[in-house]
Amino acid sequence: MQEKRAFERIAVDIRTLFRGGNGGNLRGHVCDISMGGMYIETPAPQRIGSYILADLDVETLGKVIWTQGRVVRVTRLGMAIEFARLDARGIQSLLEFNRSR
């Protein structure tokens, strides 16, 4: 089967704090990320079509990267997010760092 993704995904291990439709802070773990989106493992996935704001605690870069996106898929382990807005420079730095490892 041919890959349909527009962006290369990189496996990562990043803690995240995100806010969904209820406005409360929720915790998760980013497993993979690209310039187009990310997958968050969380016990509290949001509804498909809803928007979240997420702060990625990237310890290897010593910074927090912000993202905003729409939930496009929900699984029993978490949710896939398509980015709507993001710290593009921060995500690019993260991807480049992980590619060089």
PDB file of N, CA and C in Angstrom:
ATOM      1  N   MET A   1       0.833  -1.176   0.000  1.00  0.00           N
ATOM      2  CA  MET A   1       0.000   0.000   0.000  1.00  0.00           C
ATOM      3  C   MET A   1       0.884   1.248   0.000  1.00  0.00           C
ATOM      4  N   GLN A   2       0.548   2.219  -0.807  1.00  0.00           N
ATOM      5  CA  GLN A   2       1.348   3.433  -0.918  1.00  0.00           C
ATOM      6  C   GLN A   2       0.955   4.437   0.161  1.00  0.00           C
ATOM      7  N   GLU A   3       1.955   5.083   0.732  1.00  0.00           N
ATOM      8  CA  GLU A   3       1.755   6.103   1.772  1.00  0.00           C
ATOM      9  C   GLU A   3       1.116   7.335   1.159  1.00  0.00           C
ATOM     10  N   LYS A   4       0.025   7.854   1.789  1.00  0.00           N
ATOM     11  CA  LYS A   4      -0.691   9.023   1.277  1.00  0.00           C
ATOM     12  C   LYS A   4      -0.256  10.326   1.943  1.00  0.00           C
ATOM     13  N   ARG A   5       0.579  10.251   2.932  1.00  0.00           N
ATOM     14  CA  ARG A   5       0.925  11.445   3.709  1.00  0.00           C
ATOM     15  C   ARG A   5       1.738  12.448   2.897  1.00  0.00           C
ATOM     16  N   ALA A   6       1.440  13.721   3.117  1.00  0.00           N
ATOM     17  CA  ALA A   6       2.151  14.790   2.414  1.00  0.00           C
ATOM     18  C   ALA A   6       3.481  15.113   3.097  1.00  0.00           C
ATOM     19  N   PHE A   7       3.600  14.788   4.386  1.00  0.00           N
ATOM     20  CA  PHE A   7       4.799  15.125   5.148  1.00  0.00           C
ATOM     21  C   PHE A   7       5.390  13.871   5.788  1.00  0.00           C
ATOM     22  N   GLU A   8       6.706  13.849   5.892  1.00  0.00           N
ATOM     23  CA  GLU A   8       7.396  12.748   6.550  1.00  0.00           C
ATOM     24  C   GLU A   8       7.110  12.784   8.053  1.00  0.00           C
ATOM     25  N   ARG A   9       6.760  11.624   8.619  1.00  0.00           N
ATOM     26  CA  ARG A   9       6.542  11.519  10.061  1.00  0.00           C
ATOM     27  C   ARG A   9       7.830  11.098  10.746  1.00  0.00           C
ATOM     28  N   ILE A  10       8.046  11.629  11.943  1.00  0.00           N
ATOM     29  CA  ILE A  10       9.207  11.292  12.760  1.00  0.00           C
ATOM     30  C   ILE A  10       8.700  10.767  14.102  1.00  0.00           C
ATOM     31  N   ALA A  11       9.226   9.627  14.529  1.00  0.00           N
ATOM     32  CA  ALA A  11       8.870   9.093  15.853  1.00  0.00           C
ATOM     33  C   ALA A  11       9.521   9.962  16.926  1.00  0.00           C
ATOM     34  N   VAL A  12       8.750  10.333  17.940  1.00  0.00           N
ATOM     35  CA  VAL A  12       9.245  11.177  19.029  1.00  0.00           C
ATOM     36  C   VAL A  12       8.701  10.654  20.360  1.00  0.00           C
ATOM     37  N   ASP A  13       9.195  11.217  21.426  1.00  0.00           N
ATOM     38  CA  ASP A  13       8.760  10.891  22.780  1.00  0.00           C
ATOM     39  C   ASP A  13       8.642  12.211  23.531  1.00  0.00           C
ATOM     40  N   ILE A  14       7.475  12.869  23.409  1.00  0.00           N
ATOM     41  CA  ILE A  14       7.300  14.226  23.934  1.00  0.00           C
ATOM     42  C   ILE A  14       6.043  14.303  24.789  1.00  0.00           C
ATOM     43  N   ARG A  15       6.200  14.851  25.980  1.00  0.00           N
ATOM     44  CA  ARG A  15       5.038  15.116  26.824  1.00  0.00           C
ATOM     45  C   ARG A  15       4.293  16.327  26.287  1.00  0.00           C
ATOM     46  N   THR A  16       2.973  16.302  26.415  1.00  0.00           N
ATOM     47  CA  THR A  16       2.185  17.454  25.983  1.00  0.00           C
ATOM     48  C   THR A  16       1.071  17.751  26.971  1.00  0.00           C
ATOM     49  N   LEU A  17       0.764  19.009  27.071  1.00  0.00           N
ATOM     50  CA  LEU A  17      -0.377  19.490  27.829  1.00  0.00           C
ATOM     51  C   LEU A  17      -1.276  20.145  26.785  1.00  0.00           C
ATOM     52  N   PHE A  18      -2.536  19.689  26.692  1.00  0.00           N
ATOM     53  CA  PHE A  18      -3.405  20.274  25.670  1.00  0.00           C
ATOM     54  C   PHE A  18      -4.744  20.679  26.269  1.00  0.00           C
ATOM     55  N   ARG A  19      -5.397  21.591  25.562  1.00  0.00           N
ATOM     56  CA  ARG A  19      -6.707  22.080  25.959  1.00  0.00           C
ATOM     57  C   ARG A  19      -7.689  21.767  24.836  1.00  0.00           C
ATOM     58  N   GLY A  20      -8.774  21.125  25.206  1.00  0.00           N
ATOM     59  CA  GLY A  20      -9.797  20.768  24.232  1.00  0.00           C
ATOM     60  C   GLY A  20     -11.004  21.669  24.371  1.00  0.00           C
ATOM     61  N   GLY A  21     -12.126  21.154  23.911  1.00  0.00           N
ATOM     62  CA  GLY A  21     -13.364  21.922  23.909  1.00  0.00           C
ATOM     63  C   GLY A  21     -13.864  22.326  25.287  1.00  0.00           C
ATOM     64  N   ASN A  22     -13.528  21.547  26.316  1.00  0.00           N
ATOM     65  CA  ASN A  22     -14.000  21.880  27.664  1.00  0.00           C
ATOM     66  C   ASN A  22     -13.143  22.946  28.345  1.00  0.00           C
ATOM     67  N   GLY A  23     -12.013  23.309  27.720  1.00  0.00           N
ATOM     68  CA  GLY A  23     -11.162  24.358  28.266  1.00  0.00           C
ATOM     69  C   GLY A  23     -10.200  23.911  29.340  1.00  0.00           C
ATOM     70  N   GLY A  24     -10.343  22.685  29.852  1.00  0.00           N
ATOM     71  CA  GLY A  24      -9.443  22.193  30.891  1.00  0.00           C
ATOM     72  C   GLY A  24      -8.136  21.685  30.312  1.00  0.00           C
ATOM     73  N   ASN A  25      -7.102  21.648  31.141  1.00  0.00           N
ATOM     74  CA  ASN A  25      -5.802  21.117  30.714  1.00  0.00           C
ATOM     75  C   ASN A  25      -5.798  19.601  30.820  1.00  0.00           C
ATOM     76  N   LEU A  26      -5.350  18.948  29.752  1.00  0.00           N
ATOM     77  CA  LEU A  26      -5.278  17.498  29.688  1.00  0.00           C
ATOM     78  C   LEU A  26      -3.858  17.098  29.323  1.00  0.00           C
ATOM     79  N   ARG A  27      -3.456  15.900  29.739  1.00  0.00           N
ATOM     80  CA  ARG A  27      -2.105  15.431  29.464  1.00  0.00           C
ATOM     81  C   ARG A  27      -2.112  14.365  28.381  1.00  0.00           C
ATOM     82  N   GLY A  28      -0.988  14.306  27.671  1.00  0.00           N
ATOM     83  CA  GLY A  28      -0.831  13.287  26.654  1.00  0.00           C
ATOM     84  C   GLY A  28       0.633  13.089  26.329  1.00  0.00           C
ATOM     85  N   HIS A  29       0.866  12.260  25.320  1.00  0.00           N
ATOM     86  CA  HIS A  29       2.219  11.917  24.906  1.00  0.00           C
ATOM     87  C   HIS A  29       2.240  11.890  23.377  1.00  0.00           C
ATOM     88  N   VAL A  30       3.074  12.721  22.766  1.00  0.00           N
ATOM     89  CA  VAL A  30       3.190  12.746  21.304  1.00  0.00           C
ATOM     90  C   VAL A  30       4.128  11.614  20.885  1.00  0.00           C
ATOM     91  N   CYS A  31       3.619  10.731  20.006  1.00  0.00           N
ATOM     92  CA  CYS A  31       4.384   9.564  19.538  1.00  0.00           C
ATOM     93  C   CYS A  31       5.040   9.810  18.193  1.00  0.00           C
ATOM     94  N   ASP A  32       4.349  10.552  17.318  1.00  0.00           N
ATOM     95  CA  ASP A  32       4.957  10.912  16.033  1.00  0.00           C
ATOM     96  C   ASP A  32       4.448  12.277  15.606  1.00  0.00           C
ATOM     97  N   ILE A  33       5.265  12.936  14.770  1.00  0.00           N
ATOM     98  CA  ILE A  33       4.964  14.309  14.391  1.00  0.00           C
ATOM     99  C   ILE A  33       5.526  14.586  13.001  1.00  0.00           C
ATOM    100  N   SER A  34       4.896  15.513  12.299  1.00  0.00           N
ATOM    101  CA  SER A  34       5.376  15.995  11.005  1.00  0.00           C
ATOM    102  C   SER A  34       5.009  17.473  10.918  1.00  0.00           C
ATOM    103  N   MET A  35       5.315  18.100   9.809  1.00  0.00           N
ATOM    104  CA  MET A  35       4.914  19.494   9.630  1.00  0.00           C
ATOM    105  C   MET A  35       3.401  19.618   9.454  1.00  0.00           C
ATOM    106  N   GLY A  36       2.729  18.506   9.181  1.00  0.00           N
ATOM    107  CA  GLY A  36       1.290  18.539   8.956  1.00  0.00           C
ATOM    108  C   GLY A  36       0.437  18.131  10.139  1.00  0.00           C
ATOM    109  N   GLY A  37       1.037  17.429  11.114  1.00  0.00           N
ATOM    110  CA  GLY A  37       0.230  16.988  12.245  1.00  0.00           C
ATOM    111  C   GLY A  37       1.001  16.105  13.199  1.00  0.00           C
ATOM    112  N   MET A  38       0.267  15.506  14.143  1.00  0.00           N
ATOM    113  CA  MET A  38       0.896  14.656  15.161  1.00  0.00           C
ATOM    114  C   MET A  38      -0.125  13.666  15.690  1.00  0.00           C
ATOM    115  N   TYR A  39       0.375  12.635  16.365  1.00  0.00           N
ATOM    116  CA  TYR A  39      -0.488  11.674  17.042  1.00  0.00           C
ATOM    117  C   TYR A  39      -0.214  11.786  18.538  1.00  0.00           C
ATOM    118  N   ILE A  40      -1.273  11.969  19.316  1.00  0.00           N
ATOM    119  CA  ILE A  40      -1.165  12.097  20.773  1.00  0.00           C
ATOM    120  C   ILE A  40      -1.814  10.896  21.432  1.00  0.00           C
ATOM    121  N   GLU A  41      -1.035  10.154  22.219  1.00  0.00           N
ATOM    122  CA  GLU A  41      -1.613   9.116  23.072  1.00  0.00           C
ATOM    123  C   GLU A  41      -2.158   9.823  24.302  1.00  0.00           C
ATOM    124  N   THR A  42      -3.420   9.567  24.623  1.00  0.00           N
ATOM    125  CA  THR A  42      -4.057  10.211  25.765  1.00  0.00           C
ATOM    126  C   THR A  42      -5.275   9.402  26.192  1.00  0.00           C
ATOM    127  N   PRO A  43      -5.565   9.363  27.488  1.00  0.00           N
ATOM    128  CA  PRO A  43      -6.788   8.710  27.940  1.00  0.00           C
ATOM    129  C   PRO A  43      -8.021   9.590  27.706  1.00  0.00           C
ATOM    130  N   ALA A  44      -7.804  10.821  27.217  1.00  0.00           N
ATOM    131  CA  ALA A  44      -8.911  11.768  27.023  1.00  0.00           C
ATOM    132  C   ALA A  44      -8.935  12.322  25.599  1.00  0.00           C
ATOM    133  N   PRO A  45      -9.073  11.453  24.571  1.00  0.00           N
ATOM    134  CA  PRO A  45      -9.125  11.985  23.205  1.00  0.00           C
ATOM    135  C   PRO A  45     -10.367  12.845  23.017  1.00  0.00           C
ATOM    136  N   GLN A  46     -10.243  13.863  22.193  1.00  0.00           N
ATOM    137  CA  GLN A  46     -11.347  14.777  21.929  1.00  0.00           C
ATOM    138  C   GLN A  46     -12.152  14.273  20.724  1.00  0.00           C
ATOM    139  N   ARG A  47     -13.295  14.861  20.494  1.00  0.00           N
ATOM    140  CA  ARG A  47     -14.158  14.442  19.388  1.00  0.00           C
ATOM    141  C   ARG A  47     -13.544  14.786  18.037  1.00  0.00           C
ATOM    142  N   ILE A  48     -13.792  13.958  17.036  1.00  0.00           N
ATOM    143  CA  ILE A  48     -13.360  14.255  15.668  1.00  0.00           C
ATOM    144  C   ILE A  48     -13.981  15.579  15.247  1.00  0.00           C
ATOM    145  N   GLY A  49     -13.160  16.431  14.646  1.00  0.00           N
ATOM    146  CA  GLY A  49     -13.614  17.753  14.206  1.00  0.00           C
ATOM    147  C   GLY A  49     -13.383  18.851  15.219  1.00  0.00           C
ATOM    148  N   SER A  50     -13.123  18.489  16.477  1.00  0.00           N
ATOM    149  CA  SER A  50     -12.878  19.518  17.494  1.00  0.00           C
ATOM    150  C   SER A  50     -11.437  20.022  17.384  1.00  0.00           C
ATOM    151  N   TYR A  51     -11.207  21.200  17.922  1.00  0.00           N
ATOM    152  CA  TYR A  51      -9.882  21.816  17.891  1.00  0.00           C
ATOM    153  C   TYR A  51      -9.236  21.750  19.263  1.00  0.00           C
ATOM    154  N   ILE A  52      -7.907  21.609  19.254  1.00  0.00           N
ATOM    155  CA  ILE A  52      -7.153  21.619  20.501  1.00  0.00           C
ATOM    156  C   ILE A  52      -5.998  22.614  20.373  1.00  0.00           C
ATOM    157  N   LEU A  53      -5.527  23.081  21.504  1.00  0.00           N
ATOM    158  CA  LEU A  53      -4.286  23.844  21.622  1.00  0.00           C
ATOM    159  C   LEU A  53      -3.342  22.972  22.424  1.00  0.00           C
ATOM    160  N   ALA A  54      -2.121  22.774  21.946  1.00  0.00           N
ATOM    161  CA  ALA A  54      -1.192  21.892  22.648  1.00  0.00           C
ATOM    162  C   ALA A  54       0.171  22.557  22.804  1.00  0.00           C
ATOM    163  N   ASP A  55       0.765  22.349  23.970  1.00  0.00           N
ATOM    164  CA  ASP A  55       2.133  22.774  24.247  1.00  0.00           C
ATOM    165  C   ASP A  55       2.985  21.518  24.343  1.00  0.00           C
ATOM    166  N   LEU A  56       4.002  21.417  23.501  1.00  0.00           N
ATOM    167  CA  LEU A  56       4.885  20.265  23.478  1.00  0.00           C
ATOM    168  C   LEU A  56       6.131  20.592  24.283  1.00  0.00           C
ATOM    169  N   ASP A  57       6.401  19.822  25.312  1.00  0.00           N
ATOM    170  CA  ASP A  57       7.552  20.040  26.188  1.00  0.00           C
ATOM    171  C   ASP A  57       8.754  19.291  25.609  1.00  0.00           C
ATOM    172  N   VAL A  58       9.520  19.983  24.765  1.00  0.00           N
ATOM    173  CA  VAL A  58      10.630  19.357  24.047  1.00  0.00           C
ATOM    174  C   VAL A  58      11.916  19.555  24.851  1.00  0.00           C
ATOM    175  N   GLU A  59      12.181  18.620  25.744  1.00  0.00           N
ATOM    176  CA  GLU A  59      13.337  18.729  26.637  1.00  0.00           C
ATOM    177  C   GLU A  59      14.658  18.753  25.874  1.00  0.00           C
ATOM    178  N   THR A  60      14.749  17.991  24.774  1.00  0.00           N
ATOM    179  CA  THR A  60      16.006  17.927  24.029  1.00  0.00           C
ATOM    180  C   THR A  60      16.380  19.273  23.423  1.00  0.00           C
ATOM    181  N   LEU A  61      15.380  20.110  23.137  1.00  0.00           N
ATOM    182  CA  LEU A  61      15.654  21.446  22.599  1.00  0.00           C
ATOM    183  C   LEU A  61      15.580  22.516  23.684  1.00  0.00           C
ATOM    184  N   GLY A  62      15.159  22.132  24.879  1.00  0.00           N
ATOM    185  CA  GLY A  62      15.052  23.093  25.972  1.00  0.00           C
ATOM    186  C   GLY A  62      13.978  24.131  25.743  1.00  0.00           C
ATOM    187  N   LYS A  63      12.867  23.739  25.110  1.00  0.00           N
ATOM    188  CA  LYS A  63      11.812  24.715  24.846  1.00  0.00           C
ATOM    189  C   LYS A  63      10.453  24.046  24.777  1.00  0.00           C
ATOM    190  N   VAL A  64       9.422  24.867  24.825  1.00  0.00           N
ATOM    191  CA  VAL A  64       8.046  24.423  24.645  1.00  0.00           C
ATOM    192  C   VAL A  64       7.583  24.941  23.293  1.00  0.00           C
ATOM    193  N   ILE A  65       7.012  24.057  22.478  1.00  0.00           N
ATOM    194  CA  ILE A  65       6.525  24.413  21.142  1.00  0.00           C
ATOM    195  C   ILE A  65       4.998  24.368  21.174  1.00  0.00           C
ATOM    196  N   TRP A  66       4.347  25.390  20.665  1.00  0.00           N
ATOM    197  CA  TRP A  66       2.885  25.435  20.677  1.00  0.00           C
ATOM    198  C   TRP A  66       2.326  24.993  19.328  1.00  0.00           C
ATOM    199  N   THR A  67       1.151  24.401  19.370  1.00  0.00           N
ATOM    200  CA  THR A  67       0.440  24.001  18.156  1.00  0.00           C
ATOM    201  C   THR A  67      -1.059  24.175  18.377  1.00  0.00           C
ATOM    202  N   GLN A  68      -1.775  24.315  17.288  1.00  0.00           N
ATOM    203  CA  GLN A  68      -3.229  24.309  17.316  1.00  0.00           C
ATOM    204  C   GLN A  68      -3.664  23.411  16.166  1.00  0.00           C
ATOM    205  N   GLY A  69      -4.628  22.549  16.406  1.00  0.00           N
ATOM    206  CA  GLY A  69      -5.038  21.658  15.339  1.00  0.00           C
ATOM    207  C   GLY A  69      -6.410  21.062  15.540  1.00  0.00           C
ATOM    208  N   ARG A  70      -6.824  20.319  14.515  1.00  0.00           N
ATOM    209  CA  ARG A  70      -8.138  19.692  14.481  1.00  0.00           C
ATOM    210  C   ARG A  70      -7.974  18.183  14.608  1.00  0.00           C
ATOM    211  N   VAL A  71      -8.814  17.577  15.411  1.00  0.00           N
ATOM    212  CA  VAL A  71      -8.808  16.124  15.577  1.00  0.00           C
ATOM    213  C   VAL A  71      -9.387  15.498  14.302  1.00  0.00           C
ATOM    214  N   VAL A  72      -8.583  14.651  13.641  1.00  0.00           N
ATOM    215  CA  VAL A  72      -9.041  14.030  12.398  1.00  0.00           C
ATOM    216  C   VAL A  72      -9.291  12.537  12.536  1.00  0.00           C
ATOM    217  N   ARG A  73      -8.779  11.938  13.623  1.00  0.00           N
ATOM    218  CA  ARG A  73      -8.987  10.507  13.847  1.00  0.00           C
ATOM    219  C   ARG A  73      -8.842  10.229  15.337  1.00  0.00           C
ATOM    220  N   VAL A  74      -9.688   9.329  15.836  1.00  0.00           N
ATOM    221  CA  VAL A  74      -9.623   8.926  17.239  1.00  0.00           C
ATOM    222  C   VAL A  74      -9.478   7.407  17.283  1.00  0.00           C
ATOM    223  N   THR A  75      -8.563   6.929  18.129  1.00  0.00           N
ATOM    224  CA  THR A  75      -8.373   5.493  18.334  1.00  0.00           C
ATOM    225  C   THR A  75      -8.568   5.207  19.814  1.00  0.00           C
ATOM    226  N   ARG A  76      -8.454   3.941  20.191  1.00  0.00           N
ATOM    227  CA  ARG A  76      -8.616   3.607  21.613  1.00  0.00           C
ATOM    228  C   ARG A  76      -7.451   4.136  22.447  1.00  0.00           C
ATOM    229  N   LEU A  77      -6.317   4.467  21.787  1.00  0.00           N
ATOM    230  CA  LEU A  77      -5.138   4.953  22.508  1.00  0.00           C
ATOM    231  C   LEU A  77      -4.956   6.467  22.468  1.00  0.00           C
ATOM    232  N   GLY A  78      -5.646   7.158  21.546  1.00  0.00           N
ATOM    233  CA  GLY A  78      -5.422   8.593  21.443  1.00  0.00           C
ATOM    234  C   GLY A  78      -6.093   9.218  20.240  1.00  0.00           C
ATOM    235  N   MET A  79      -5.414  10.222  19.653  1.00  0.00           N
ATOM    236  CA  MET A  79      -6.021  10.972  18.552  1.00  0.00           C
ATOM    237  C   MET A  79      -4.960  11.523  17.608  1.00  0.00           C
ATOM    238  N   ALA A  80      -5.353  11.620  16.338  1.00  0.00           N
ATOM    239  CA  ALA A  80      -4.500  12.214  15.309  1.00  0.00           C
ATOM    240  C   ALA A  80      -4.944  13.656  15.103  1.00  0.00           C
ATOM    241  N   ILE A  81      -3.975  14.551  15.058  1.00  0.00           N
ATOM    242  CA  ILE A  81      -4.227  15.986  14.938  1.00  0.00           C
ATOM    243  C   ILE A  81      -3.652  16.503  13.630  1.00  0.00           C
ATOM    244  N   GLU A  82      -4.445  17.266  12.888  1.00  0.00           N
ATOM    245  CA  GLU A  82      -3.963  17.971  11.704  1.00  0.00           C
ATOM    246  C   GLU A  82      -3.744  19.422  12.116  1.00  0.00           C
ATOM    247  N   PHE A  83      -2.529  19.929  11.925  1.00  0.00           N
ATOM    248  CA  PHE A  83      -2.226  21.282  12.371  1.00  0.00           C
ATOM    249  C   PHE A  83      -3.011  22.326  11.583  1.00  0.00           C
ATOM    250  N   ALA A  84      -3.510  23.314  12.314  1.00  0.00           N
ATOM    251  CA  ALA A  84      -4.143  24.487  11.715  1.00  0.00           C
ATOM    252  C   ALA A  84      -3.195  25.682  11.847  1.00  0.00           C
ATOM    253  N   ARG A  85      -2.536  25.785  13.008  1.00  0.00           N
ATOM    254  CA  ARG A  85      -1.524  26.819  13.273  1.00  0.00           C
ATOM    255  C   ARG A  85      -0.459  26.176  14.133  1.00  0.00           C
ATOM    256  N   LEU A  86       0.771  26.655  13.992  1.00  0.00           N
ATOM    257  CA  LEU A  86       1.844  26.061  14.773  1.00  0.00           C
ATOM    258  C   LEU A  86       3.060  26.962  14.785  1.00  0.00           C
ATOM    259  N   ASP A  87       3.954  26.661  15.713  1.00  0.00           N
ATOM    260  CA  ASP A  87       5.278  27.284  15.758  1.00  0.00           C
ATOM    261  C   ASP A  87       6.120  26.521  14.728  1.00  0.00           C
ATOM    262  N   ALA A  88       6.022  26.936  13.464  1.00  0.00           N
ATOM    263  CA  ALA A  88       6.670  26.205  12.369  1.00  0.00           C
ATOM    264  C   ALA A  88       8.177  26.096  12.578  1.00  0.00           C
ATOM    265  N   ARG A  89       8.778  27.148  13.061  1.00  0.00           N
ATOM    266  CA  ARG A  89      10.219  27.134  13.307  1.00  0.00           C
ATOM    267  C   ARG A  89      10.587  26.102  14.374  1.00  0.00           C
ATOM    268  N   GLY A  90       9.770  26.034  15.427  1.00  0.00           N
ATOM    269  CA  GLY A  90      10.007  25.074  16.495  1.00  0.00           C
ATOM    270  C   GLY A  90       9.822  23.639  16.026  1.00  0.00           C
ATOM    271  N   ILE A  91       8.766  23.378  15.256  1.00  0.00           N
ATOM    272  CA  ILE A  91       8.527  22.030  14.736  1.00  0.00           C
ATOM    273  C   ILE A  91       9.645  21.635  13.783  1.00  0.00           C
ATOM    274  N   GLN A  92      10.078  22.561  12.934  1.00  0.00           N
ATOM    275  CA  GLN A  92      11.170  22.272  11.994  1.00  0.00           C
ATOM    276  C   GLN A  92      12.456  21.929  12.755  1.00  0.00           C
ATOM    277  N   SER A  93      12.756  22.664  13.813  1.00  0.00           N
ATOM    278  CA  SER A  93      13.942  22.373  14.634  1.00  0.00           C
ATOM    279  C   SER A  93      13.837  20.989  15.261  1.00  0.00           C
ATOM    280  N   LEU A  94      12.663  20.649  15.744  1.00  0.00           N
ATOM    281  CA  LEU A  94      12.438  19.337  16.333  1.00  0.00           C
ATOM    282  C   LEU A  94      12.652  18.223  15.299  1.00  0.00           C
ATOM    283  N   LEU A  95      12.083  18.395  14.112  1.00  0.00           N
ATOM    284  CA  LEU A  95      12.225  17.386  13.061  1.00  0.00           C
ATOM    285  C   LEU A  95      13.684  17.228  12.636  1.00  0.00           C
ATOM    286  N   GLU A  96      14.390  18.339  12.461  1.00  0.00           N
ATOM    287  CA  GLU A  96      15.785  18.284  12.058  1.00  0.00           C
ATOM    288  C   GLU A  96      16.642  17.614  13.135  1.00  0.00           C
ATOM    289  N   PHE A  97      16.383  17.917  14.389  1.00  0.00           N
ATOM    290  CA  PHE A  97      17.129  17.314  15.489  1.00  0.00           C
ATOM    291  C   PHE A  97      16.925  15.793  15.488  1.00  0.00           C
ATOM    292  N   ASN A  98      15.679  15.354  15.327  1.00  0.00           N
ATOM    293  CA  ASN A  98      15.381  13.925  15.379  1.00  0.00           C
ATOM    294  C   ASN A  98      15.873  13.193  14.136  1.00  0.00           C
ATOM    295  N   ARG A  99      15.925  13.839  12.997  1.00  0.00           N
ATOM    296  CA  ARG A  99      16.465  13.214  11.778  1.00  0.00           C
ATOM    297  C   ARG A  99      17.950  12.956  11.911  1.00  0.00           C
ATOM    298  N   SER A 100      18.655  13.850  12.622  1.00  0.00           N
ATOM    299  CA  SER A 100      20.108  13.727  12.730  1.00  0.00           C
ATOM    300  C   SER A 100      20.530  12.696  13.763  1.00  0.00           C
ATOM    301  N   ARG A 101      19.618  12.125  14.484  1.00  0.00           N
ATOM    302  CA  ARG A 101      19.933  11.131  15.525  1.00  0.00           C
ATOM    303  C   ARG A 101      20.110   9.759  14.947  1.00  0.00           C
TER     304      ARG A 101
END
